[in-house]
């Protein structure tokens, strides 16, 4: 069984062409929806579908 691969905030920020700090700020301001959090370390995790949604929000599609 394949485990689901999640992207880190840094990886997503790079894909979106913004800084990690901007990604986190947009989430805190409510521009982006809250991300999933890893139960073990609390890090933000994103799926490929999340990236598509975020691209639409910032007009990168």
PDB file of N, CA and C in Angstrom:
ATOM      1  N   UNK A   1       0.841  -1.193   0.000  1.00  0.00           N
ATOM      2  CA  UNK A   1       0.000   0.000   0.000  1.00  0.00           C
ATOM      3  C   UNK A   1       0.877   1.243   0.000  1.00  0.00           C
ATOM      4  N   UNK A   2       0.606   2.139  -0.923  1.00  0.00           N
ATOM      5  CA  UNK A   2       1.406   3.353  -1.054  1.00  0.00           C
ATOM      6  C   UNK A   2       0.922   4.405  -0.052  1.00  0.00           C
ATOM      7  N   UNK A   3       1.868   4.994   0.670  1.00  0.00           N
ATOM      8  CA  UNK A   3       1.490   6.070   1.582  1.00  0.00           C
ATOM      9  C   UNK A   3       1.345   7.359   0.794  1.00  0.00           C
ATOM     10  N   UNK A   4       0.462   8.218   1.256  1.00  0.00           N
ATOM     11  CA  UNK A   4       0.207   9.475   0.556  1.00  0.00           C
ATOM     12  C   UNK A   4       1.377  10.423   0.753  1.00  0.00           C
ATOM     13  N   UNK A   5       1.822  11.029  -0.327  1.00  0.00           N
ATOM     14  CA  UNK A   5       2.945  11.969  -0.280  1.00  0.00           C
ATOM     15  C   UNK A   5       2.412  13.374  -0.065  1.00  0.00           C
ATOM     16  N   UNK A   6       2.941  14.019   0.937  1.00  0.00           N
ATOM     17  CA  UNK A   6       2.566  15.403   1.209  1.00  0.00           C
ATOM     18  C   UNK A   6       3.739  16.315   0.903  1.00  0.00           C
ATOM     19  N   UNK A   7       3.422  17.525   0.476  1.00  0.00           N
ATOM     20  CA  UNK A   7       4.432  18.532   0.211  1.00  0.00           C
ATOM     21  C   UNK A   7       4.583  19.424   1.433  1.00  0.00           C
ATOM     22  N   UNK A   8       5.794  19.914   1.658  1.00  0.00           N
ATOM     23  CA  UNK A   8       6.044  20.817   2.780  1.00  0.00           C
ATOM     24  C   UNK A   8       5.676  22.244   2.380  1.00  0.00           C
ATOM     25  N   UNK A   9       5.587  23.117   3.363  1.00  0.00           N
ATOM     26  CA  UNK A   9       5.294  24.527   3.091  1.00  0.00           C
ATOM     27  C   UNK A   9       6.357  25.121   2.174  1.00  0.00           C
ATOM     28  N   UNK A  10       7.607  24.777   2.385  1.00  0.00           N
ATOM     29  CA  UNK A  10       8.687  25.280   1.542  1.00  0.00           C
ATOM     30  C   UNK A  10       8.552  24.835   0.096  1.00  0.00           C
ATOM     31  N   UNK A  11       8.194  23.579  -0.097  1.00  0.00           N
ATOM     32  CA  UNK A  11       8.017  23.051  -1.456  1.00  0.00           C
ATOM     33  C   UNK A  11       6.845  23.743  -2.154  1.00  0.00           C
ATOM     34  N   UNK A  12       5.754  23.916  -1.434  1.00  0.00           N
ATOM     35  CA  UNK A  12       4.573  24.561  -2.017  1.00  0.00           C
ATOM     36  C   UNK A  12       4.867  26.020  -2.348  1.00  0.00           C
ATOM     37  N   UNK A  13       5.552  26.713  -1.449  1.00  0.00           N
ATOM     38  CA  UNK A  13       5.910  28.110  -1.690  1.00  0.00           C
ATOM     39  C   UNK A  13       6.750  28.233  -2.959  1.00  0.00           C
ATOM     40  N   UNK A  14       7.686  27.324  -3.134  1.00  0.00           N
ATOM     41  CA  UNK A  14       8.534  27.345  -4.328  1.00  0.00           C
ATOM     42  C   UNK A  14       7.699  27.124  -5.590  1.00  0.00           C
ATOM     43  N   UNK A  15       6.768  26.187  -5.543  1.00  0.00           N
ATOM     44  CA  UNK A  15       5.894  25.911  -6.683  1.00  0.00           C
ATOM     45  C   UNK A  15       5.057  27.143  -7.025  1.00  0.00           C
ATOM     46  N   UNK A  16       4.570  27.837  -5.980  1.00  0.00           N
ATOM     47  CA  UNK A  16       3.707  29.005  -6.178  1.00  0.00           C
ATOM     48  C   UNK A  16       4.494  30.261  -6.542  1.00  0.00           C
ATOM     49  N   UNK A  17       5.805  30.227  -6.335  1.00  0.00           N
ATOM     50  CA  UNK A  17       6.628  31.393  -6.628  1.00  0.00           C
ATOM     51  C   UNK A  17       6.536  32.472  -5.565  1.00  0.00           C
ATOM     52  N   UNK A  18       6.263  32.055  -4.327  1.00  0.00           N
ATOM     53  CA  UNK A  18       6.212  32.979  -3.195  1.00  0.00           C
ATOM     54  C   UNK A  18       7.124  32.442  -2.097  1.00  0.00           C
ATOM     55  N   UNK A  19       7.400  33.266  -1.100  1.00  0.00           N
ATOM     56  CA  UNK A  19       8.240  32.791   0.002  1.00  0.00           C
ATOM     57  C   UNK A  19       7.403  31.957   0.971  1.00  0.00           C
ATOM     58  N   UNK A  20       8.084  31.147   1.749  1.00  0.00           N
ATOM     59  CA  UNK A  20       7.405  30.341   2.764  1.00  0.00           C
ATOM     60  C   UNK A  20       6.697  31.253   3.766  1.00  0.00           C
ATOM     61  N   UNK A  21       7.335  32.369   4.099  1.00  0.00           N
ATOM     62  CA  UNK A  21       6.739  33.321   5.039  1.00  0.00           C
ATOM     63  C   UNK A  21       5.437  33.893   4.480  1.00  0.00           C
ATOM     64  N   UNK A  22       5.402  34.170   3.180  1.00  0.00           N
ATOM     65  CA  UNK A  22       4.186  34.688   2.550  1.00  0.00           C
ATOM     66  C   UNK A  22       3.084  33.639   2.583  1.00  0.00           C
ATOM     67  N   UNK A  23       3.436  32.396   2.309  1.00  0.00           N
ATOM     68  CA  UNK A  23       2.476  31.294   2.359  1.00  0.00           C
ATOM     69  C   UNK A  23       1.821  31.225   3.740  1.00  0.00           C
ATOM     70  N   UNK A  24       2.635  31.266   4.772  1.00  0.00           N
ATOM     71  CA  UNK A  24       2.137  31.180   6.143  1.00  0.00           C
ATOM     72  C   UNK A  24       1.311  32.424   6.494  1.00  0.00           C
ATOM     73  N   UNK A  25       1.776  33.594   6.048  1.00  0.00           N
ATOM     74  CA  UNK A  25       1.043  34.840   6.317  1.00  0.00           C
ATOM     75  C   UNK A  25      -0.332  34.803   5.653  1.00  0.00           C
ATOM     76  N   UNK A  26      -0.401  34.349   4.400  1.00  0.00           N
ATOM     77  CA  UNK A  26      -1.680  34.252   3.692  1.00  0.00           C
ATOM     78  C   UNK A  26      -2.632  33.316   4.421  1.00  0.00           C
ATOM     79  N   UNK A  27      -2.089  32.231   4.974  1.00  0.00           N
ATOM     80  CA  UNK A  27      -2.930  31.299   5.727  1.00  0.00           C
ATOM     81  C   UNK A  27      -3.464  31.980   6.992  1.00  0.00           C
ATOM     82  N   UNK A  28      -2.600  32.699   7.691  1.00  0.00           N
ATOM     83  CA  UNK A  28      -3.016  33.378   8.926  1.00  0.00           C
ATOM     84  C   UNK A  28      -4.036  34.475   8.656  1.00  0.00           C
ATOM     85  N   UNK A  29      -3.929  35.153   7.503  1.00  0.00           N
ATOM     86  CA  UNK A  29      -4.857  36.219   7.140  1.00  0.00           C
ATOM     87  C   UNK A  29      -6.173  35.686   6.575  1.00  0.00           C
ATOM     88  N   UNK A  30      -6.225  34.384   6.311  1.00  0.00           N
ATOM     89  CA  UNK A  30      -7.439  33.786   5.775  1.00  0.00           C
ATOM     90  C   UNK A  30      -7.536  33.832   4.257  1.00  0.00           C
ATOM     91  N   UNK A  31      -6.467  34.259   3.589  1.00  0.00           N
ATOM     92  CA  UNK A  31      -6.445  34.272   2.121  1.00  0.00           C
ATOM     93  C   UNK A  31      -6.381  32.829   1.611  1.00  0.00           C
ATOM     94  N   UNK A  32      -5.549  32.022   2.245  1.00  0.00           N
ATOM     95  CA  UNK A  32      -5.452  30.599   1.948  1.00  0.00           C
ATOM     96  C   UNK A  32      -6.167  29.820   3.053  1.00  0.00           C
ATOM     97  N   UNK A  33      -6.787  28.682   2.703  1.00  0.00           N
ATOM     98  CA  UNK A  33      -7.390  27.843   3.743  1.00  0.00           C
ATOM     99  C   UNK A  33      -6.310  27.233   4.640  1.00  0.00           C
ATOM    100  N   UNK A  34      -6.680  26.887   5.845  1.00  0.00           N
ATOM    101  CA  UNK A  34      -5.722  26.273   6.767  1.00  0.00           C
ATOM    102  C   UNK A  34      -5.232  24.948   6.200  1.00  0.00           C
ATOM    103  N   UNK A  35      -3.940  24.713   6.350  1.00  0.00           N
ATOM    104  CA  UNK A  35      -3.346  23.478   5.838  1.00  0.00           C
ATOM    105  C   UNK A  35      -3.522  22.343   6.839  1.00  0.00           C
ATOM    106  N   UNK A  36      -3.325  21.137   6.325  1.00  0.00           N
ATOM    107  CA  UNK A  36      -3.311  19.954   7.183  1.00  0.00           C
ATOM    108  C   UNK A  36      -2.025  20.009   7.998  1.00  0.00           C
ATOM    109  N   UNK A  37      -2.066  19.482   9.203  1.00  0.00           N
ATOM    110  CA  UNK A  37      -0.866  19.452  10.045  1.00  0.00           C
ATOM    111  C   UNK A  37      -0.458  18.007  10.314  1.00  0.00           C
ATOM    112  N   UNK A  38       0.844  17.769  10.304  1.00  0.00           N
ATOM    113  CA  UNK A  38       1.391  16.459  10.632  1.00  0.00           C
ATOM    114  C   UNK A  38       1.195  16.224  12.128  1.00  0.00           C
ATOM    115  N   UNK A  39       0.649  15.069  12.476  1.00  0.00           N
ATOM    116  CA  UNK A  39       0.377  14.762  13.885  1.00  0.00           C
ATOM    117  C   UNK A  39       1.634  14.622  14.730  1.00  0.00           C
ATOM    118  N   UNK A  40       2.735  14.236  14.118  1.00  0.00           N
ATOM    119  CA  UNK A  40       3.963  13.996  14.878  1.00  0.00           C
ATOM    120  C   UNK A  40       4.761  15.270  15.139  1.00  0.00           C
ATOM    121  N   UNK A  41       4.911  16.103  14.100  1.00  0.00           N
ATOM    122  CA  UNK A  41       5.775  17.273  14.259  1.00  0.00           C
ATOM    123  C   UNK A  41       5.060  18.617  14.092  1.00  0.00           C
ATOM    124  N   UNK A  42       3.780  18.609  13.725  1.00  0.00           N
ATOM    125  CA  UNK A  42       3.023  19.846  13.592  1.00  0.00           C
ATOM    126  C   UNK A  42       3.288  20.645  12.322  1.00  0.00           C
ATOM    127  N   UNK A  43       4.099  20.098  11.426  1.00  0.00           N
ATOM    128  CA  UNK A  43       4.420  20.805  10.181  1.00  0.00           C
ATOM    129  C   UNK A  43       3.209  20.847   9.263  1.00  0.00           C
ATOM    130  N   UNK A  44       3.135  21.894   8.452  1.00  0.00           N
ATOM    131  CA  UNK A  44       2.076  22.003   7.450  1.00  0.00           C
ATOM    132  C   UNK A  44       2.341  20.973   6.354  1.00  0.00           C
ATOM    133  N   UNK A  45       1.252  20.375   5.871  1.00  0.00           N
ATOM    134  CA  UNK A  45       1.351  19.400   4.794  1.00  0.00           C
ATOM    135  C   UNK A  45       0.313  19.730   3.730  1.00  0.00           C
ATOM    136  N   UNK A  46       0.705  19.590   2.485  1.00  0.00           N
ATOM    137  CA  UNK A  46      -0.164  19.932   1.365  1.00  0.00           C
ATOM    138  C   UNK A  46      -0.193  18.784   0.361  1.00  0.00           C
ATOM    139  N   UNK A  47      -1.350  18.586  -0.257  1.00  0.00           N
ATOM    140  CA  UNK A  47      -1.480  17.596  -1.329  1.00  0.00           C
ATOM    141  C   UNK A  47      -1.361  18.323  -2.664  1.00  0.00           C
ATOM    142  N   UNK A  48      -1.275  17.560  -3.736  1.00  0.00           N
ATOM    143  CA  UNK A  48      -1.250  18.149  -5.075  1.00  0.00           C
ATOM    144  C   UNK A  48      -2.537  18.934  -5.333  1.00  0.00           C
ATOM    145  N   UNK A  49      -3.658  18.420  -4.803  1.00  0.00           N
ATOM    146  CA  UNK A  49      -4.938  19.110  -4.969  1.00  0.00           C
ATOM    147  C   UNK A  49      -4.917  20.464  -4.246  1.00  0.00           C
ATOM    148  N   UNK A  50      -4.286  20.504  -3.075  1.00  0.00           N
ATOM    149  CA  UNK A  50      -4.157  21.770  -2.344  1.00  0.00           C
ATOM    150  C   UNK A  50      -3.391  22.795  -3.172  1.00  0.00           C
ATOM    151  N   UNK A  51      -2.328  22.346  -3.822  1.00  0.00           N
ATOM    152  CA  UNK A  51      -1.506  23.249  -4.632  1.00  0.00           C
ATOM    153  C   UNK A  51      -2.330  23.842  -5.770  1.00  0.00           C
ATOM    154  N   UNK A  52      -3.167  23.028  -6.407  1.00  0.00           N
ATOM    155  CA  UNK A  52      -4.021  23.517  -7.489  1.00  0.00           C
ATOM    156  C   UNK A  52      -4.963  24.592  -6.950  1.00  0.00           C
ATOM    157  N   UNK A  53      -5.557  24.363  -5.786  1.00  0.00           N
ATOM    158  CA  UNK A  53      -6.471  25.342  -5.179  1.00  0.00           C
ATOM    159  C   UNK A  53      -5.739  26.646  -4.860  1.00  0.00           C
ATOM    160  N   UNK A  54      -4.537  26.539  -4.308  1.00  0.00           N
ATOM    161  CA  UNK A  54      -3.773  27.734  -3.946  1.00  0.00           C
ATOM    162  C   UNK A  54      -3.370  28.517  -5.187  1.00  0.00           C
ATOM    163  N   UNK A  55      -3.027  27.800  -6.261  1.00  0.00           N
ATOM    164  CA  UNK A  55      -2.682  28.473  -7.523  1.00  0.00           C
ATOM    165  C   UNK A  55      -3.866  29.276  -8.038  1.00  0.00           C
ATOM    166  N   UNK A  56      -5.065  28.709  -7.919  1.00  0.00           N
ATOM    167  CA  UNK A  56      -6.270  29.413  -8.376  1.00  0.00           C
ATOM    168  C   UNK A  56      -6.499  30.669  -7.545  1.00  0.00           C
ATOM    169  N   UNK A  57      -6.279  30.583  -6.243  1.00  0.00           N
ATOM    170  CA  UNK A  57      -6.498  31.727  -5.358  1.00  0.00           C
ATOM    171  C   UNK A  57      -5.586  32.891  -5.723  1.00  0.00           C
ATOM    172  N   UNK A  58      -4.330  32.597  -6.040  1.00  0.00           N
ATOM    173  CA  UNK A  58      -3.412  33.693  -6.359  1.00  0.00           C
ATOM    174  C   UNK A  58      -3.330  33.983  -7.854  1.00  0.00           C
ATOM    175  N   UNK A  59      -4.163  33.311  -8.634  1.00  0.00           N
ATOM    176  CA  UNK A  59      -4.233  33.608 -10.066  1.00  0.00           C
ATOM    177  C   UNK A  59      -3.067  33.093 -10.868  1.00  0.00           C
ATOM    178  N   UNK A  60      -2.489  31.974 -10.456  1.00  0.00           N
ATOM    179  CA  UNK A  60      -1.341  31.419 -11.191  1.00  0.00           C
ATOM    180  C   UNK A  60      -1.739  30.278 -12.119  1.00  0.00           C
ATOM    181  N   UNK A  61      -3.036  30.145 -12.399  1.00  0.00           N
ATOM    182  CA  UNK A  61      -3.482  29.112 -13.339  1.00  0.00           C
ATOM    183  C   UNK A  61      -4.094  29.787 -14.547  1.00  0.00           C
TER     184      UNK A  61
END
